[in-house]
Amino acid sequence: MVQHQTARLDATFAAISDATRRGVLDRLGRSDASITELAELFAMTLTGMKKHVGVLERSGLVVTEKVGRVRTCRLGPRGLDEEAAWLDAQRRRWAARFDELDHVLVELSNKERQHGKQRTE
């Protein structure tokens, strides 16, 4: 299970690491589009866009359907719940570490002030 989750996270984050692919997801969030429409929108060749869509398909974020000569793309059925949960866990971990650091800095500041008062007395 953990290995499957890791592979899925790797595929998803690799897919969304590229600005063009994030743009494609944003565009498909509004409506389905053909590869030709996406290629024109992003000023790319059809081959280049097919490669981007292929990465998104392998991650499960996009599905395509070919009818005749037109390949239509749409958002895949799976959401980003697992990825959002992983990111939230990381955010909580970092926030806890920063809270600990804040606590240490306050303690050091208090000790420094206390030490300074003892010198002046």
PDB file of N, CA and C in Angstrom:
ATOM      1  N   MET A   1       0.827  -1.200   0.000  1.00  0.00           N
ATOM      2  CA  MET A   1       0.000   0.000   0.000  1.00  0.00           C
ATOM      3  C   MET A   1       0.863   1.253   0.000  1.00  0.00           C
ATOM      4  N   VAL A   2       1.882   1.291   0.878  1.00  0.00           N
ATOM      5  CA  VAL A   2       2.740   2.466   0.946  1.00  0.00           C
ATOM      6  C   VAL A   2       3.485   2.653  -0.364  1.00  0.00           C
ATOM      7  N   GLN A   3       3.955   1.532  -0.957  1.00  0.00           N
ATOM      8  CA  GLN A   3       4.686   1.610  -2.224  1.00  0.00           C
ATOM      9  C   GLN A   3       3.773   2.138  -3.331  1.00  0.00           C
ATOM     10  N   HIS A   4       2.511   1.694  -3.343  1.00  0.00           N
ATOM     11  CA  HIS A   4       1.550   2.195  -4.335  1.00  0.00           C
ATOM     12  C   HIS A   4       1.316   3.686  -4.142  1.00  0.00           C
ATOM     13  N   GLN A   5       1.160   4.101  -2.886  1.00  0.00           N
ATOM     14  CA  GLN A   5       0.927   5.516  -2.603  1.00  0.00           C
ATOM     15  C   GLN A   5       2.133   6.339  -3.021  1.00  0.00           C
ATOM     16  N   THR A   6       3.332   5.849  -2.740  1.00  0.00           N
ATOM     17  CA  THR A   6       4.547   6.568  -3.122  1.00  0.00           C
ATOM     18  C   THR A   6       4.634   6.699  -4.637  1.00  0.00           C
ATOM     19  N   ALA A   7       4.350   5.631  -5.356  1.00  0.00           N
ATOM     20  CA  ALA A   7       4.392   5.678  -6.823  1.00  0.00           C
ATOM     21  C   ALA A   7       3.356   6.661  -7.358  1.00  0.00           C
ATOM     22  N   ARG A   8       2.192   6.652  -6.749  1.00  0.00           N
ATOM     23  CA  ARG A   8       1.140   7.578  -7.192  1.00  0.00           C
ATOM     24  C   ARG A   8       1.535   9.028  -6.923  1.00  0.00           C
ATOM     25  N   LEU A   9       2.070   9.297  -5.717  1.00  0.00           N
ATOM     26  CA  LEU A   9       2.524  10.652  -5.402  1.00  0.00           C
ATOM     27  C   LEU A   9       3.630  11.079  -6.361  1.00  0.00           C
ATOM     28  N   ASP A  10       4.572  10.181  -6.622  1.00  0.00           N
ATOM     29  CA  ASP A  10       5.666  10.495  -7.549  1.00  0.00           C
ATOM     30  C   ASP A  10       5.118  10.858  -8.928  1.00  0.00           C
ATOM     31  N   ALA A  11       4.186  10.050  -9.425  1.00  0.00           N
ATOM     32  CA  ALA A  11       3.615  10.300 -10.750  1.00  0.00           C
ATOM     33  C   ALA A  11       2.849  11.616 -10.780  1.00  0.00           C
ATOM     34  N   THR A  12       2.079  11.876  -9.742  1.00  0.00           N
ATOM     35  CA  THR A  12       1.296  13.114  -9.701  1.00  0.00           C
ATOM     36  C   THR A  12       2.194  14.335  -9.631  1.00  0.00           C
ATOM     37  N   PHE A  13       3.151  14.323  -8.704  1.00  0.00           N
ATOM     38  CA  PHE A  13       4.019  15.491  -8.563  1.00  0.00           C
ATOM     39  C   PHE A  13       4.908  15.684  -9.781  1.00  0.00           C
ATOM     40  N   ALA A  14       5.328  14.593 -10.423  1.00  0.00           N
ATOM     41  CA  ALA A  14       6.093  14.725 -11.672  1.00  0.00           C
ATOM     42  C   ALA A  14       5.215  15.355 -12.753  1.00  0.00           C
ATOM     43  N   ALA A  15       3.962  14.940 -12.795  1.00  0.00           N
ATOM     44  CA  ALA A  15       3.047  15.475 -13.810  1.00  0.00           C
ATOM     45  C   ALA A  15       2.785  16.958 -13.601  1.00  0.00           C
ATOM     46  N   ILE A  16       2.595  17.381 -12.365  1.00  0.00           N
ATOM     47  CA  ILE A  16       2.256  18.789 -12.135  1.00  0.00           C
ATOM     48  C   ILE A  16       3.490  19.667 -11.927  1.00  0.00           C
ATOM     49  N   SER A  17       4.677  19.077 -12.070  1.00  0.00           N
ATOM     50  CA  SER A  17       5.898  19.873 -11.915  1.00  0.00           C
ATOM     51  C   SER A  17       6.133  20.789 -13.110  1.00  0.00           C
ATOM     52  N   ASP A  18       5.448  20.548 -14.202  1.00  0.00           N
ATOM     53  CA  ASP A  18       5.625  21.330 -15.415  1.00  0.00           C
ATOM     54  C   ASP A  18       4.499  22.352 -15.563  1.00  0.00           C
ATOM     55  N   ALA A  19       4.868  23.595 -15.874  1.00  0.00           N
ATOM     56  CA  ALA A  19       3.882  24.679 -15.990  1.00  0.00           C
ATOM     57  C   ALA A  19       2.869  24.416 -17.098  1.00  0.00           C
ATOM     58  N   THR A  20       3.307  23.837 -18.204  1.00  0.00           N
ATOM     59  CA  THR A  20       2.376  23.549 -19.295  1.00  0.00           C
ATOM     60  C   THR A  20       1.331  22.540 -18.841  1.00  0.00           C
ATOM     61  N   ARG A  21       1.777  21.494 -18.165  1.00  0.00           N
ATOM     62  CA  ARG A  21       0.813  20.484 -17.712  1.00  0.00           C
ATOM     63  C   ARG A  21      -0.153  21.055 -16.678  1.00  0.00           C
ATOM     64  N   ARG A  22       0.340  21.928 -15.798  1.00  0.00           N
ATOM     65  CA  ARG A  22      -0.583  22.582 -14.853  1.00  0.00           C
ATOM     66  C   ARG A  22      -1.590  23.439 -15.634  1.00  0.00           C
ATOM     67  N   GLY A  23      -1.125  24.103 -16.675  1.00  0.00           N
ATOM     68  CA  GLY A  23      -2.018  24.898 -17.511  1.00  0.00           C
ATOM     69  C   GLY A  23      -3.059  24.039 -18.204  1.00  0.00           C
ATOM     70  N   VAL A  24      -2.646  22.867 -18.666  1.00  0.00           N
ATOM     71  CA  VAL A  24      -3.587  21.942 -19.308  1.00  0.00           C
ATOM     72  C   VAL A  24      -4.654  21.517 -18.300  1.00  0.00           C
ATOM     73  N   LEU A  25      -4.240  21.179 -17.090  1.00  0.00           N
ATOM     74  CA  LEU A  25      -5.225  20.802 -16.063  1.00  0.00           C
ATOM     75  C   LEU A  25      -6.189  21.949 -15.782  1.00  0.00           C
ATOM     76  N   ASP A  26      -5.651  23.153 -15.710  1.00  0.00           N
ATOM     77  CA  ASP A  26      -6.499  24.327 -15.479  1.00  0.00           C
ATOM     78  C   ASP A  26      -7.502  24.485 -16.617  1.00  0.00           C
ATOM     79  N   ARG A  27      -7.033  24.345 -17.837  1.00  0.00           N
ATOM     80  CA  ARG A  27      -7.910  24.483 -19.003  1.00  0.00           C
ATOM     81  C   ARG A  27      -8.974  23.395 -19.017  1.00  0.00           C
ATOM     82  N   LEU A  28      -8.565  22.156 -18.733  1.00  0.00           N
ATOM     83  CA  LEU A  28      -9.529  21.048 -18.744  1.00  0.00           C
ATOM     84  C   LEU A  28     -10.509  21.141 -17.581  1.00  0.00           C
ATOM     85  N   GLY A  29     -10.157  21.879 -16.558  1.00  0.00           N
ATOM     86  CA  GLY A  29     -11.083  22.111 -15.454  1.00  0.00           C
ATOM     87  C   GLY A  29     -12.286  22.929 -15.884  1.00  0.00           C
ATOM     88  N   ARG A  30     -12.133  23.681 -16.964  1.00  0.00           N
ATOM     89  CA  ARG A  30     -13.255  24.478 -17.482  1.00  0.00           C
ATOM     90  C   ARG A  30     -14.102  23.689 -18.475  1.00  0.00           C
ATOM     91  N   SER A  31     -13.450  22.887 -19.332  1.00  0.00           N
ATOM     92  CA  SER A  31     -14.178  22.056 -20.287  1.00  0.00           C
ATOM     93  C   SER A  31     -13.203  21.121 -20.990  1.00  0.00           C
ATOM     94  N   ASP A  32     -13.744  20.080 -21.589  1.00  0.00           N
ATOM     95  CA  ASP A  32     -12.928  19.144 -22.350  1.00  0.00           C
ATOM     96  C   ASP A  32     -12.309  19.876 -23.542  1.00  0.00           C
ATOM     97  N   ALA A  33     -11.215  19.331 -24.050  1.00  0.00           N
ATOM     98  CA  ALA A  33     -10.552  19.948 -25.200  1.00  0.00           C
ATOM     99  C   ALA A  33      -9.814  18.876 -25.991  1.00  0.00           C
ATOM    100  N   SER A  34      -9.679  19.115 -27.275  1.00  0.00           N
ATOM    101  CA  SER A  34      -8.898  18.195 -28.108  1.00  0.00           C
ATOM    102  C   SER A  34      -7.417  18.509 -27.946  1.00  0.00           C
ATOM    103  N   ILE A  35      -6.591  17.564 -28.336  1.00  0.00           N
ATOM    104  CA  ILE A  35      -5.147  17.792 -28.287  1.00  0.00           C
ATOM    105  C   ILE A  35      -4.792  18.961 -29.191  1.00  0.00           C
ATOM    106  N   THR A  36      -5.459  19.074 -30.325  1.00  0.00           N
ATOM    107  CA  THR A  36      -5.192  20.187 -31.248  1.00  0.00           C
ATOM    108  C   THR A  36      -5.506  21.521 -30.582  1.00  0.00           C
ATOM    109  N   GLU A  37      -6.644  21.605 -29.895  1.00  0.00           N
ATOM    110  CA  GLU A  37      -6.999  22.848 -29.199  1.00  0.00           C
ATOM    111  C   GLU A  37      -5.969  23.192 -28.133  1.00  0.00           C
ATOM    112  N   LEU A  38      -5.541  22.187 -27.383  1.00  0.00           N
ATOM    113  CA  LEU A  38      -4.549  22.424 -26.336  1.00  0.00           C
ATOM    114  C   LEU A  38      -3.211  22.853 -26.936  1.00  0.00           C
ATOM    115  N   ALA A  39      -2.815  22.207 -28.031  1.00  0.00           N
ATOM    116  CA  ALA A  39      -1.549  22.564 -28.681  1.00  0.00           C
ATOM    117  C   ALA A  39      -1.592  24.012 -29.162  1.00  0.00           C
ATOM    118  N   GLU A  40      -2.705  24.411 -29.743  1.00  0.00           N
ATOM    119  CA  GLU A  40      -2.838  25.798 -30.208  1.00  0.00           C
ATOM    120  C   GLU A  40      -2.815  26.773 -29.040  1.00  0.00           C
ATOM    121  N   LEU A  41      -3.517  26.438 -27.977  1.00  0.00           N
ATOM    122  CA  LEU A  41      -3.582  27.306 -26.801  1.00  0.00           C
ATOM    123  C   LEU A  41      -2.198  27.548 -26.208  1.00  0.00           C
ATOM    124  N   PHE A  42      -1.363  26.506 -26.195  1.00  0.00           N
ATOM    125  CA  PHE A  42      -0.035  26.618 -25.598  1.00  0.00           C
ATOM    126  C   PHE A  42       1.071  26.820 -26.636  1.00  0.00           C
ATOM    127  N   ALA A  43       0.677  27.090 -27.873  1.00  0.00           N
ATOM    128  CA  ALA A  43       1.629  27.341 -28.969  1.00  0.00           C
ATOM    129  C   ALA A  43       2.683  26.234 -29.046  1.00  0.00           C
ATOM    130  N   MET A  44       2.213  24.995 -29.130  1.00  0.00           N
ATOM    131  CA  MET A  44       3.101  23.834 -29.196  1.00  0.00           C
ATOM    132  C   MET A  44       2.754  22.995 -30.413  1.00  0.00           C
ATOM    133  N   THR A  45       3.659  22.088 -30.717  1.00  0.00           N
ATOM    134  CA  THR A  45       3.364  21.113 -31.763  1.00  0.00           C
ATOM    135  C   THR A  45       2.404  20.069 -31.200  1.00  0.00           C
ATOM    136  N   LEU A  46       1.726  19.365 -32.094  1.00  0.00           N
ATOM    137  CA  LEU A  46       0.836  18.295 -31.648  1.00  0.00           C
ATOM    138  C   LEU A  46       1.632  17.218 -30.910  1.00  0.00           C
ATOM    139  N   THR A  47       2.824  16.906 -31.418  1.00  0.00           N
ATOM    140  CA  THR A  47       3.663  15.888 -30.778  1.00  0.00           C
ATOM    141  C   THR A  47       4.032  16.300 -29.359  1.00  0.00           C
ATOM    142  N   GLY A  48       4.408  17.551 -29.176  1.00  0.00           N
ATOM    143  CA  GLY A  48       4.752  18.046 -27.847  1.00  0.00           C
ATOM    144  C   GLY A  48       3.577  17.962 -26.891  1.00  0.00           C
ATOM    145  N   MET A  49       2.408  18.366 -27.364  1.00  0.00           N
ATOM    146  CA  MET A  49       1.223  18.321 -26.502  1.00  0.00           C
ATOM    147  C   MET A  49       0.833  16.882 -26.197  1.00  0.00           C
ATOM    148  N   LYS A  50       0.967  15.979 -27.176  1.00  0.00           N
ATOM    149  CA  LYS A  50       0.659  14.570 -26.921  1.00  0.00           C
ATOM    150  C   LYS A  50       1.540  14.023 -25.808  1.00  0.00           C
ATOM    151  N   LYS A  51       2.811  14.435 -25.784  1.00  0.00           N
ATOM    152  CA  LYS A  51       3.714  13.970 -24.729  1.00  0.00           C
ATOM    153  C   LYS A  51       3.260  14.492 -23.366  1.00  0.00           C
ATOM    154  N   HIS A  52       2.885  15.764 -23.300  1.00  0.00           N
ATOM    155  CA  HIS A  52       2.397  16.330 -22.038  1.00  0.00           C
ATOM    156  C   HIS A  52       1.122  15.617 -21.579  1.00  0.00           C
ATOM    157  N   VAL A  53       0.209  15.406 -22.491  1.00  0.00           N
ATOM    158  CA  VAL A  53      -1.049  14.736 -22.147  1.00  0.00           C
ATOM    159  C   VAL A  53      -0.765  13.298 -21.715  1.00  0.00           C
ATOM    160  N   GLY A  54       0.209  12.647 -22.350  1.00  0.00           N
ATOM    161  CA  GLY A  54       0.580  11.286 -21.971  1.00  0.00           C
ATOM    162  C   GLY A  54       1.055  11.210 -20.521  1.00  0.00           C
ATOM    163  N   VAL A  55       1.854  12.181 -20.108  1.00  0.00           N
ATOM    164  CA  VAL A  55       2.313  12.227 -18.715  1.00  0.00           C
ATOM    165  C   VAL A  55       1.117  12.389 -17.782  1.00  0.00           C
ATOM    166  N   LEU A  56       0.214  13.281 -18.144  1.00  0.00           N
ATOM    167  CA  LEU A  56      -0.981  13.498 -17.324  1.00  0.00           C
ATOM    168  C   LEU A  56      -1.872  12.261 -17.288  1.00  0.00           C
ATOM    169  N   GLU A  57      -1.947  11.553 -18.412  1.00  0.00           N
ATOM    170  CA  GLU A  57      -2.736  10.313 -18.461  1.00  0.00           C
ATOM    171  C   GLU A  57      -2.130   9.237 -17.564  1.00  0.00           C
ATOM    172  N   ARG A  58      -0.816   9.059 -17.630  1.00  0.00           N
ATOM    173  CA  ARG A  58      -0.162   8.035 -16.818  1.00  0.00           C
ATOM    174  C   ARG A  58      -0.328   8.311 -15.324  1.00  0.00           C
ATOM    175  N   SER A  59      -0.452   9.575 -14.970  1.00  0.00           N
ATOM    176  CA  SER A  59      -0.654   9.912 -13.555  1.00  0.00           C
ATOM    177  C   SER A  59      -2.117   9.749 -13.149  1.00  0.00           C
ATOM    178  N   GLY A  60      -3.001   9.575 -14.115  1.00  0.00           N
ATOM    179  CA  GLY A  60      -4.419   9.427 -13.830  1.00  0.00           C
ATOM    180  C   GLY A  60      -5.170  10.741 -13.720  1.00  0.00           C
ATOM    181  N   LEU A  61      -4.478  11.844 -13.983  1.00  0.00           N
ATOM    182  CA  LEU A  61      -5.134  13.152 -13.864  1.00  0.00           C
ATOM    183  C   LEU A  61      -5.980  13.501 -15.081  1.00  0.00           C
ATOM    184  N   VAL A  62      -5.667  12.890 -16.212  1.00  0.00           N
ATOM    185  CA  VAL A  62      -6.383  13.170 -17.456  1.00  0.00           C
ATOM    186  C   VAL A  62      -6.720  11.848 -18.132  1.00  0.00           C
ATOM    187  N   VAL A  63      -7.862  11.810 -18.769  1.00  0.00           N
ATOM    188  CA  VAL A  63      -8.225  10.677 -19.617  1.00  0.00           C
ATOM    189  C   VAL A  63      -8.504  11.218 -21.005  1.00  0.00           C
ATOM    190  N   THR A  64      -8.244  10.383 -22.010  1.00  0.00           N
ATOM    191  CA  THR A  64      -8.509  10.797 -23.384  1.00  0.00           C
ATOM    192  C   THR A  64      -9.392   9.765 -24.060  1.00  0.00           C
ATOM    193  N   GLU A  65     -10.064  10.235 -25.084  1.00  0.00           N
ATOM    194  CA  GLU A  65     -10.910   9.357 -25.887  1.00  0.00           C
ATOM    195  C   GLU A  65     -10.755   9.775 -27.334  1.00  0.00           C
ATOM    196  N   LYS A  66     -10.478   8.794 -28.174  1.00  0.00           N
ATOM    197  CA  LYS A  66     -10.309   9.086 -29.594  1.00  0.00           C
ATOM    198  C   LYS A  66     -11.579   8.712 -30.337  1.00  0.00           C
ATOM    199  N   VAL A  67     -12.143   9.695 -31.024  1.00  0.00           N
ATOM    200  CA  VAL A  67     -13.313   9.477 -31.869  1.00  0.00           C
ATOM    201  C   VAL A  67     -12.926   9.963 -33.256  1.00  0.00           C
ATOM    202  N   GLY A  68     -12.818   9.016 -34.187  1.00  0.00           N
ATOM    203  CA  GLY A  68     -12.341   9.377 -35.522  1.00  0.00           C
ATOM    204  C   GLY A  68     -10.893   9.820 -35.436  1.00  0.00           C
ATOM    205  N   ARG A  69     -10.633  11.031 -35.899  1.00  0.00           N
ATOM    206  CA  ARG A  69      -9.265  11.552 -35.884  1.00  0.00           C
ATOM    207  C   ARG A  69      -9.014  12.501 -34.717  1.00  0.00           C
ATOM    208  N   VAL A  70     -10.025  12.702 -33.894  1.00  0.00           N
ATOM    209  CA  VAL A  70      -9.904  13.684 -32.805  1.00  0.00           C
ATOM    210  C   VAL A  70      -9.748  12.969 -31.459  1.00  0.00           C
ATOM    211  N   ARG A  71      -8.696  13.328 -30.733  1.00  0.00           N
ATOM    212  CA  ARG A  71      -8.483  12.802 -29.372  1.00  0.00           C
ATOM    213  C   ARG A  71      -8.893  13.903 -28.401  1.00  0.00           C
ATOM    214  N   THR A  72      -9.953  13.633 -27.634  1.00  0.00           N
ATOM    215  CA  THR A  72     -10.474  14.603 -26.673  1.00  0.00           C
ATOM    216  C   THR A  72      -9.949  14.273 -25.283  1.00  0.00           C
ATOM    217  N   CYS A  73      -9.549  15.313 -24.577  1.00  0.00           N
ATOM    218  CA  CYS A  73      -9.003  15.180 -23.231  1.00  0.00           C
ATOM    219  C   CYS A  73      -9.996  15.733 -22.218  1.00  0.00           C
ATOM    220  N   ARG A  74     -10.051  15.084 -21.064  1.00  0.00           N
ATOM    221  CA  ARG A  74     -10.852  15.597 -19.951  1.00  0.00           C
ATOM    222  C   ARG A  74     -10.161  15.218 -18.656  1.00  0.00           C
ATOM    223  N   LEU A  75     -10.546  15.883 -17.583  1.00  0.00           N
ATOM    224  CA  LEU A  75      -9.974  15.551 -16.286  1.00  0.00           C
ATOM    225  C   LEU A  75     -10.330  14.122 -15.926  1.00  0.00           C
ATOM    226  N   GLY A  76      -9.391  13.428 -15.303  1.00  0.00           N
ATOM    227  CA  GLY A  76      -9.628  12.051 -14.883  1.00  0.00           C
ATOM    228  C   GLY A  76     -10.595  11.995 -13.719  1.00  0.00           C
ATOM    229  N   PRO A  77     -11.106  10.806 -13.431  1.00  0.00           N
ATOM    230  CA  PRO A  77     -12.107  10.665 -12.368  1.00  0.00           C
ATOM    231  C   PRO A  77     -11.535  10.787 -10.964  1.00  0.00           C
ATOM    232  N   ARG A  78     -10.238  10.594 -10.819  1.00  0.00           N
ATOM    233  CA  ARG A  78      -9.671  10.654  -9.468  1.00  0.00           C
ATOM    234  C   ARG A  78      -9.294  12.074  -9.123  1.00  0.00           C
ATOM    235  N   GLY A  79      -9.479  12.412  -7.896  1.00  0.00           N
ATOM    236  CA  GLY A  79      -9.088  13.735  -7.432  1.00  0.00           C
ATOM    237  C   GLY A  79      -7.677  13.724  -6.889  1.00  0.00           C
ATOM    238  N   LEU A  80      -7.360  14.741  -6.155  1.00  0.00           N
ATOM    239  CA  LEU A  80      -6.025  14.871  -5.572  1.00  0.00           C
ATOM    240  C   LEU A  80      -6.079  14.746  -4.049  1.00  0.00           C
ATOM    241  N   ASP A  81      -7.023  13.944  -3.553  1.00  0.00           N
ATOM    242  CA  ASP A  81      -7.205  13.817  -2.106  1.00  0.00           C
ATOM    243  C   ASP A  81      -5.965  13.267  -1.409  1.00  0.00           C
ATOM    244  N   GLU A  82      -5.365  12.216  -1.955  1.00  0.00           N
ATOM    245  CA  GLU A  82      -4.173  11.634  -1.326  1.00  0.00           C
ATOM    246  C   GLU A  82      -3.019  12.637  -1.330  1.00  0.00           C
ATOM    247  N   GLU A  83      -2.873  13.341  -2.443  1.00  0.00           N
ATOM    248  CA  GLU A  83      -1.795  14.324  -2.551  1.00  0.00           C
ATOM    249  C   GLU A  83      -2.030  15.488  -1.593  1.00  0.00           C
ATOM    250  N   ALA A  84      -3.272  15.920  -1.495  1.00  0.00           N
ATOM    251  CA  ALA A  84      -3.600  17.016  -0.573  1.00  0.00           C
ATOM    252  C   ALA A  84      -3.359  16.584   0.873  1.00  0.00           C
ATOM    253  N   ALA A  85      -3.688  15.339   1.202  1.00  0.00           N
ATOM    254  CA  ALA A  85      -3.461  14.835   2.561  1.00  0.00           C
ATOM    255  C   ALA A  85      -1.965  14.776   2.856  1.00  0.00           C
ATOM    256  N   TRP A  86      -1.166  14.341   1.889  1.00  0.00           N
ATOM    257  CA  TRP A  86       0.288  14.291   2.081  1.00  0.00           C
ATOM    258  C   TRP A  86       0.842  15.700   2.295  1.00  0.00           C
ATOM    259  N   LEU A  87       0.409  16.630   1.461  1.00  0.00           N
ATOM    260  CA  LEU A  87       0.868  18.019   1.601  1.00  0.00           C
ATOM    261  C   LEU A  87       0.448  18.605   2.951  1.00  0.00           C
ATOM    262  N   ASP A  88      -0.762  18.303   3.383  1.00  0.00           N
ATOM    263  CA  ASP A  88      -1.236  18.823   4.666  1.00  0.00           C
ATOM    264  C   ASP A  88      -0.408  18.252   5.820  1.00  0.00           C
ATOM    265  N   ALA A  89      -0.068  16.973   5.741  1.00  0.00           N
ATOM    266  CA  ALA A  89       0.771  16.368   6.786  1.00  0.00           C
ATOM    267  C   ALA A  89       2.144  17.047   6.817  1.00  0.00           C
ATOM    268  N   GLN A  90       2.698  17.347   5.648  1.00  0.00           N
ATOM    269  CA  GLN A  90       3.985  18.035   5.588  1.00  0.00           C
ATOM    270  C   GLN A  90       3.866  19.454   6.156  1.00  0.00           C
ATOM    271  N   ARG A  91       2.779  20.133   5.827  1.00  0.00           N
ATOM    272  CA  ARG A  91       2.555  21.488   6.338  1.00  0.00           C
ATOM    273  C   ARG A  91       2.467  21.483   7.857  1.00  0.00           C
ATOM    274  N   ARG A  92       1.731  20.522   8.410  1.00  0.00           N
ATOM    275  CA  ARG A  92       1.606  20.419   9.863  1.00  0.00           C
ATOM    276  C   ARG A  92       2.956  20.128  10.510  1.00  0.00           C
ATOM    277  N   ARG A  93       3.744  19.244   9.889  1.00  0.00           N
ATOM    278  CA  ARG A  93       5.064  18.913  10.428  1.00  0.00           C
ATOM    279  C   ARG A  93       5.958  20.150  10.451  1.00  0.00           C
ATOM    280  N   TRP A  94       5.973  20.908   9.361  1.00  0.00           N
ATOM    281  CA  TRP A  94       6.791  22.128   9.306  1.00  0.00           C
ATOM    282  C   TRP A  94       6.292  23.172  10.299  1.00  0.00           C
ATOM    283  N   ALA A  95       4.975  23.318  10.398  1.00  0.00           N
ATOM    284  CA  ALA A  95       4.420  24.293  11.343  1.00  0.00           C
ATOM    285  C   ALA A  95       4.820  23.933  12.768  1.00  0.00           C
ATOM    286  N   ALA A  96       4.775  22.652  13.114  1.00  0.00           N
ATOM    287  CA  ALA A  96       5.175  22.219  14.458  1.00  0.00           C
ATOM    288  C   ALA A  96       6.653  22.522  14.699  1.00  0.00           C
ATOM    289  N   ARG A  97       7.476  22.303  13.703  1.00  0.00           N
ATOM    290  CA  ARG A  97       8.910  22.594  13.865  1.00  0.00           C
ATOM    291  C   ARG A  97       9.159  24.083  14.035  1.00  0.00           C
ATOM    292  N   PHE A  98       8.460  24.883  13.277  1.00  0.00           N
ATOM    293  CA  PHE A  98       8.613  26.333  13.424  1.00  0.00           C
ATOM    294  C   PHE A  98       8.100  26.811  14.776  1.00  0.00           C
ATOM    295  N   ASP A  99       7.014  26.191  15.262  1.00  0.00           N
ATOM    296  CA  ASP A  99       6.517  26.532  16.604  1.00  0.00           C
ATOM    297  C   ASP A  99       7.565  26.200  17.659  1.00  0.00           C
ATOM    298  N   GLU A 100       8.219  25.036  17.502  1.00  0.00           N
ATOM    299  CA  GLU A 100       9.288  24.664  18.439  1.00  0.00           C
ATOM    300  C   GLU A 100      10.438  25.667  18.369  1.00  0.00           C
ATOM    301  N   LEU A 101      10.794  26.071  17.160  1.00  0.00           N
ATOM    302  CA  LEU A 101      11.870  27.050  16.992  1.00  0.00           C
ATOM    303  C   LEU A 101      11.494  28.383  17.643  1.00  0.00           C
ATOM    304  N   ASP A 102      10.257  28.815  17.447  1.00  0.00           N
ATOM    305  CA  ASP A 102       9.789  30.048  18.096  1.00  0.00           C
ATOM    306  C   ASP A 102       9.927  29.950  19.611  1.00  0.00           C
ATOM    307  N   HIS A 103       9.559  28.797  20.170  1.00  0.00           N
ATOM    308  CA  HIS A 103       9.655  28.589  21.610  1.00  0.00           C
ATOM    309  C   HIS A 103      11.109  28.699  22.073  1.00  0.00           C
ATOM    310  N   VAL A 104      12.028  28.076  21.339  1.00  0.00           N
ATOM    311  CA  VAL A 104      13.450  28.146  21.688  1.00  0.00           C
ATOM    312  C   VAL A 104      13.948  29.585  21.612  1.00  0.00           C
ATOM    313  N   LEU A 105      13.548  30.305  20.583  1.00  0.00           N
ATOM    314  CA  LEU A 105      13.994  31.697  20.439  1.00  0.00           C
ATOM    315  C   LEU A 105      13.462  32.580  21.565  1.00  0.00           C
ATOM    316  N   VAL A 106      12.228  32.362  21.983  1.00  0.00           N
ATOM    317  CA  VAL A 106      11.666  33.127  23.101  1.00  0.00           C
ATOM    318  C   VAL A 106      12.444  32.813  24.377  1.00  0.00           C
ATOM    319  N   GLU A 107      12.729  31.545  24.609  1.00  0.00           N
ATOM    320  CA  GLU A 107      13.502  31.159  25.798  1.00  0.00           C
ATOM    321  C   GLU A 107      14.888  31.805  25.776  1.00  0.00           C
ATOM    322  N   LEU A 108      15.555  31.769  24.638  1.00  0.00           N
ATOM    323  CA  LEU A 108      16.882  32.384  24.529  1.00  0.00           C
ATOM    324  C   LEU A 108      16.814  33.890  24.762  1.00  0.00           C
ATOM    325  N   SER A 109      15.802  34.516  24.212  1.00  0.00           N
ATOM    326  CA  SER A 109      15.630  35.957  24.387  1.00  0.00           C
ATOM    327  C   SER A 109      15.401  36.289  25.859  1.00  0.00           C
ATOM    328  N   ASN A 110      14.571  35.491  26.534  1.00  0.00           N
ATOM    329  CA  ASN A 110      14.306  35.710  27.961  1.00  0.00           C
ATOM    330  C   ASN A 110      15.583  35.521  28.782  1.00  0.00           C
ATOM    331  N   LYS A 111      16.350  34.483  28.466  1.00  0.00           N
ATOM    332  CA  LYS A 111      17.612  34.244  29.177  1.00  0.00           C
ATOM    333  C   LYS A 111      18.589  35.392  28.942  1.00  0.00           C
ATOM    334  N   GLU A 112      18.627  35.888  27.711  1.00  0.00           N
ATOM    335  CA  GLU A 112      19.527  36.992  27.383  1.00  0.00           C
ATOM    336  C   GLU A 112      19.146  38.244  28.165  1.00  0.00           C
ATOM    337  N   ARG A 113      17.842  38.538  28.231  1.00  0.00           N
ATOM    338  CA  ARG A 113      17.373  39.689  28.998  1.00  0.00           C
ATOM    339  C   ARG A 113      17.698  39.518  30.478  1.00  0.00           C
ATOM    340  N   GLN A 114      17.476  38.331  30.989  1.00  0.00           N
ATOM    341  CA  GLN A 114      17.748  38.042  32.399  1.00  0.00           C
ATOM    342  C   GLN A 114      19.251  38.187  32.686  1.00  0.00           C
ATOM    343  N   HIS A 115      20.080  37.705  31.788  1.00  0.00           N
ATOM    344  CA  HIS A 115      21.529  37.799  31.944  1.00  0.00           C
ATOM    345  C   HIS A 115      21.968  39.264  31.919  1.00  0.00           C
ATOM    346  N   GLY A 116      21.371  40.060  31.061  1.00  0.00           N
ATOM    347  CA  GLY A 116      21.693  41.480  30.970  1.00  0.00           C
ATOM    348  C   GLY A 116      21.315  42.228  32.236  1.00  0.00           C
ATOM    349  N   LYS A 117      20.189  41.867  32.855  1.00  0.00           N
ATOM    350  CA  LYS A 117      19.760  42.506  34.108  1.00  0.00           C
ATOM    351  C   LYS A 117      20.718  42.175  35.247  1.00  0.00           C
ATOM    352  N   GLN A 118      21.204  40.941  35.266  1.00  0.00           N
ATOM    353  CA  GLN A 118      22.123  40.545  36.330  1.00  0.00           C
ATOM    354  C   GLN A 118      23.437  41.298  36.229  1.00  0.00           C
ATOM    355  N   ARG A 119      23.887  41.650  35.066  1.00  0.00           N
ATOM    356  CA  ARG A 119      25.131  42.374  34.880  1.00  0.00           C
ATOM    357  C   ARG A 119      25.008  43.827  35.366  1.00  0.00           C
ATOM    358  N   THR A 120      23.846  44.422  35.190  1.00  0.00           N
ATOM    359  CA  THR A 120      23.664  45.841  35.551  1.00  0.00           C
ATOM    360  C   THR A 120      23.433  46.011  37.044  1.00  0.00           C
ATOM    361  N   GLU A 121      23.088  44.966  37.725  1.00  0.00           N
ATOM    362  CA  GLU A 121      22.800  45.086  39.165  1.00  0.00           C
ATOM    363  C   GLU A 121      24.001  45.089  40.007  1.00  0.00           C
TER     364      GLU A 121
END
